[in-house]
N, C-alpha and C. Protein backbone atom coordinates (compact mmCIF):
# COMPACT_ATOMS: atom_id res chain seq x y z
N MET A 1 47.61 21.49 88.36
CA MET A 1 48.91 20.88 88.41
C MET A 1 49.18 20.45 89.85
N PRO A 2 49.57 19.19 90.06
CA PRO A 2 49.82 18.73 91.42
C PRO A 2 51.05 19.40 92.01
N GLN A 3 50.98 19.64 93.31
CA GLN A 3 52.12 20.26 93.97
C GLN A 3 53.03 19.18 94.53
N VAL A 4 54.32 19.38 94.38
CA VAL A 4 55.31 18.45 94.89
C VAL A 4 55.83 19.03 96.19
N GLN A 5 55.78 18.24 97.24
CA GLN A 5 56.25 18.71 98.52
C GLN A 5 57.61 18.09 98.79
N ALA A 6 58.58 18.93 99.12
CA ALA A 6 59.93 18.45 99.42
C ALA A 6 59.98 17.95 100.85
N HIS A 7 60.93 17.08 101.08
CA HIS A 7 61.18 16.60 102.44
C HIS A 7 61.77 17.74 103.26
N PRO A 8 61.49 17.77 104.54
CA PRO A 8 62.10 18.82 105.38
C PRO A 8 63.61 18.78 105.27
N GLY A 9 64.21 19.94 105.05
CA GLY A 9 65.66 20.02 104.93
C GLY A 9 66.19 19.70 103.54
N ALA A 10 65.31 19.38 102.60
CA ALA A 10 65.74 19.07 101.23
C ALA A 10 66.21 20.35 100.54
N VAL A 11 67.20 20.21 99.70
CA VAL A 11 67.74 21.34 98.96
C VAL A 11 67.00 21.46 97.64
N ASP A 12 66.54 22.66 97.32
CA ASP A 12 65.85 22.91 96.05
C ASP A 12 66.87 22.88 94.93
N THR A 13 66.73 21.95 93.98
CA THR A 13 67.71 21.79 92.92
C THR A 13 67.22 22.32 91.58
N VAL A 14 66.09 23.01 91.57
CA VAL A 14 65.56 23.57 90.32
C VAL A 14 66.37 24.82 89.98
N ALA A 15 66.93 24.85 88.77
CA ALA A 15 67.71 26.01 88.33
C ALA A 15 66.74 27.17 88.04
N PRO A 16 67.14 28.38 88.39
CA PRO A 16 66.26 29.53 88.11
C PRO A 16 66.13 29.75 86.61
N ALA A 17 64.97 30.24 86.20
CA ALA A 17 64.72 30.50 84.78
C ALA A 17 65.45 31.74 84.30
N PHE A 18 65.69 32.69 85.21
CA PHE A 18 66.37 33.94 84.87
C PHE A 18 67.57 34.14 85.77
N LEU A 19 68.61 34.72 85.21
CA LEU A 19 69.83 35.01 85.96
C LEU A 19 70.10 36.50 85.94
N ARG A 20 70.39 37.07 87.09
CA ARG A 20 70.80 38.47 87.16
C ARG A 20 72.30 38.54 86.86
N LEU A 21 72.81 39.73 86.64
CA LEU A 21 74.19 39.92 86.19
C LEU A 21 75.23 39.20 87.06
N PRO A 22 75.20 39.29 88.39
CA PRO A 22 76.22 38.58 89.16
C PRO A 22 76.24 37.07 88.90
N SER A 23 75.06 36.48 88.71
CA SER A 23 74.99 35.05 88.41
C SER A 23 75.51 34.76 87.01
N VAL A 24 75.22 35.62 86.05
CA VAL A 24 75.73 35.44 84.69
C VAL A 24 77.26 35.51 84.70
N MET A 25 77.79 36.45 85.47
CA MET A 25 79.25 36.57 85.58
C MET A 25 79.85 35.31 86.20
N ARG A 26 79.21 34.76 87.22
CA ARG A 26 79.69 33.55 87.88
C ARG A 26 79.64 32.35 86.94
N VAL A 27 78.52 32.20 86.21
CA VAL A 27 78.33 31.06 85.32
C VAL A 27 79.30 31.10 84.14
N THR A 28 79.50 32.29 83.57
CA THR A 28 80.32 32.39 82.36
C THR A 28 81.80 32.62 82.66
N GLY A 29 82.11 33.16 83.83
CA GLY A 29 83.49 33.50 84.14
C GLY A 29 83.91 34.81 83.50
N LEU A 30 82.96 35.56 82.95
CA LEU A 30 83.24 36.83 82.30
C LEU A 30 82.95 37.99 83.24
N GLY A 31 83.62 39.09 83.02
CA GLY A 31 83.36 40.30 83.78
C GLY A 31 82.23 41.10 83.16
N ARG A 32 81.75 42.08 83.90
CA ARG A 32 80.63 42.91 83.45
C ARG A 32 80.93 43.60 82.12
N SER A 33 82.09 44.24 82.02
CA SER A 33 82.39 44.98 80.80
C SER A 33 82.54 44.05 79.60
N THR A 34 83.06 42.86 79.81
CA THR A 34 83.20 41.89 78.71
C THR A 34 81.83 41.43 78.24
N ILE A 35 80.92 41.18 79.17
CA ILE A 35 79.56 40.77 78.81
C ILE A 35 78.89 41.84 77.97
N TYR A 36 78.97 43.09 78.40
CA TYR A 36 78.33 44.18 77.65
C TYR A 36 79.03 44.44 76.32
N ARG A 37 80.33 44.26 76.24
CA ARG A 37 81.05 44.41 74.97
C ARG A 37 80.60 43.33 73.99
N LEU A 38 80.54 42.08 74.47
CA LEU A 38 80.10 40.99 73.60
C LEU A 38 78.65 41.18 73.15
N MET A 39 77.80 41.71 74.02
CA MET A 39 76.43 42.01 73.61
C MET A 39 76.41 43.05 72.50
N ALA A 40 77.23 44.08 72.64
CA ALA A 40 77.28 45.14 71.62
C ALA A 40 77.77 44.59 70.29
N GLU A 41 78.63 43.58 70.34
CA GLU A 41 79.16 42.95 69.13
C GLU A 41 78.23 41.86 68.60
N GLY A 42 77.12 41.61 69.28
CA GLY A 42 76.18 40.59 68.85
C GLY A 42 76.65 39.17 69.13
N GLN A 43 77.56 39.01 70.09
CA GLN A 43 78.14 37.70 70.37
C GLN A 43 77.72 37.13 71.72
N PHE A 44 76.77 37.77 72.38
CA PHE A 44 76.32 37.30 73.69
C PHE A 44 74.82 37.59 73.79
N PRO A 45 74.08 36.71 74.45
CA PRO A 45 72.62 36.92 74.57
C PRO A 45 72.29 38.24 75.26
N ARG A 46 71.21 38.85 74.85
CA ARG A 46 70.75 40.09 75.46
C ARG A 46 69.79 39.76 76.60
N PRO A 47 69.76 40.60 77.62
CA PRO A 47 68.84 40.35 78.73
C PRO A 47 67.41 40.70 78.35
N VAL A 48 66.49 40.25 79.17
CA VAL A 48 65.08 40.59 79.00
C VAL A 48 64.66 41.50 80.15
N GLN A 49 63.68 42.35 79.89
CA GLN A 49 63.18 43.29 80.89
C GLN A 49 62.24 42.55 81.84
N LEU A 50 62.55 42.55 83.13
CA LEU A 50 61.68 41.92 84.13
C LEU A 50 60.73 42.94 84.75
N ALA A 51 61.22 44.14 84.94
CA ALA A 51 60.44 45.23 85.51
C ALA A 51 61.01 46.52 84.95
N SER A 52 60.48 47.64 85.37
CA SER A 52 60.93 48.91 84.79
C SER A 52 62.42 49.15 84.98
N ARG A 53 62.99 48.67 86.07
CA ARG A 53 64.42 48.89 86.32
C ARG A 53 65.17 47.59 86.60
N ALA A 54 64.67 46.47 86.10
CA ALA A 54 65.31 45.18 86.35
C ALA A 54 65.39 44.36 85.07
N VAL A 55 66.57 43.88 84.77
CA VAL A 55 66.77 42.98 83.63
C VAL A 55 67.44 41.71 84.12
N ALA A 56 67.30 40.65 83.35
CA ALA A 56 67.94 39.37 83.65
C ALA A 56 68.10 38.61 82.34
N TRP A 57 68.95 37.62 82.36
CA TRP A 57 69.18 36.79 81.20
C TRP A 57 68.43 35.48 81.38
N ARG A 58 67.85 34.96 80.30
CA ARG A 58 67.21 33.65 80.36
C ARG A 58 68.30 32.61 80.59
N ARG A 59 68.08 31.72 81.52
CA ARG A 59 69.06 30.66 81.81
C ARG A 59 69.31 29.84 80.54
N SER A 60 68.27 29.58 79.77
CA SER A 60 68.40 28.78 78.55
C SER A 60 69.31 29.49 77.54
N ASP A 61 69.24 30.82 77.44
CA ASP A 61 70.11 31.56 76.53
C ASP A 61 71.57 31.46 76.96
N ILE A 62 71.82 31.58 78.26
CA ILE A 62 73.19 31.49 78.78
C ILE A 62 73.72 30.07 78.60
N ASP A 63 72.90 29.07 78.89
CA ASP A 63 73.32 27.68 78.70
C ASP A 63 73.64 27.40 77.24
N GLY A 64 72.81 27.92 76.33
CA GLY A 64 73.06 27.75 74.89
C GLY A 64 74.35 28.42 74.46
N TRP A 65 74.61 29.60 75.00
CA TRP A 65 75.84 30.33 74.66
C TRP A 65 77.05 29.55 75.16
N THR A 66 77.02 29.06 76.39
CA THR A 66 78.18 28.33 76.92
C THR A 66 78.41 27.03 76.16
N ASP A 67 77.34 26.40 75.67
CA ASP A 67 77.50 25.18 74.89
C ASP A 67 78.22 25.41 73.57
N THR A 68 78.19 26.63 73.05
CA THR A 68 78.85 26.93 71.78
C THR A 68 80.31 27.31 71.95
N ARG A 69 80.77 27.48 73.18
CA ARG A 69 82.15 27.89 73.43
C ARG A 69 83.09 26.72 73.17
N PRO A 70 84.27 26.98 72.63
CA PRO A 70 85.23 25.90 72.37
C PRO A 70 85.74 25.30 73.68
N VAL A 71 86.03 24.02 73.64
CA VAL A 71 86.55 23.31 74.80
C VAL A 71 88.07 23.21 74.63
N VAL A 72 88.79 23.54 75.68
CA VAL A 72 90.24 23.48 75.64
C VAL A 72 90.70 22.19 76.30
N ALA A 73 91.47 21.40 75.58
CA ALA A 73 92.01 20.16 76.13
C ALA A 73 93.44 20.40 76.61
N HIS A 74 93.70 20.00 77.82
CA HIS A 74 95.05 20.17 78.37
C HIS A 74 95.75 18.85 78.47
């Protein structure tokens, strides 16, 4: 696979494949306890195990969940 070299000072715009809890909270606007409550109710994606003591959510799962949320028109 060819390597793409960025210009010096270029900002990396590739979204991460996995999100840790603080990023999930930022993206969704939900708090920690709400995320875990929704997971227990089967209404929020479950994280995947990255290492023995590390979990993260797939970015695609979080994006899919946010796409299903109702839009409020003001």
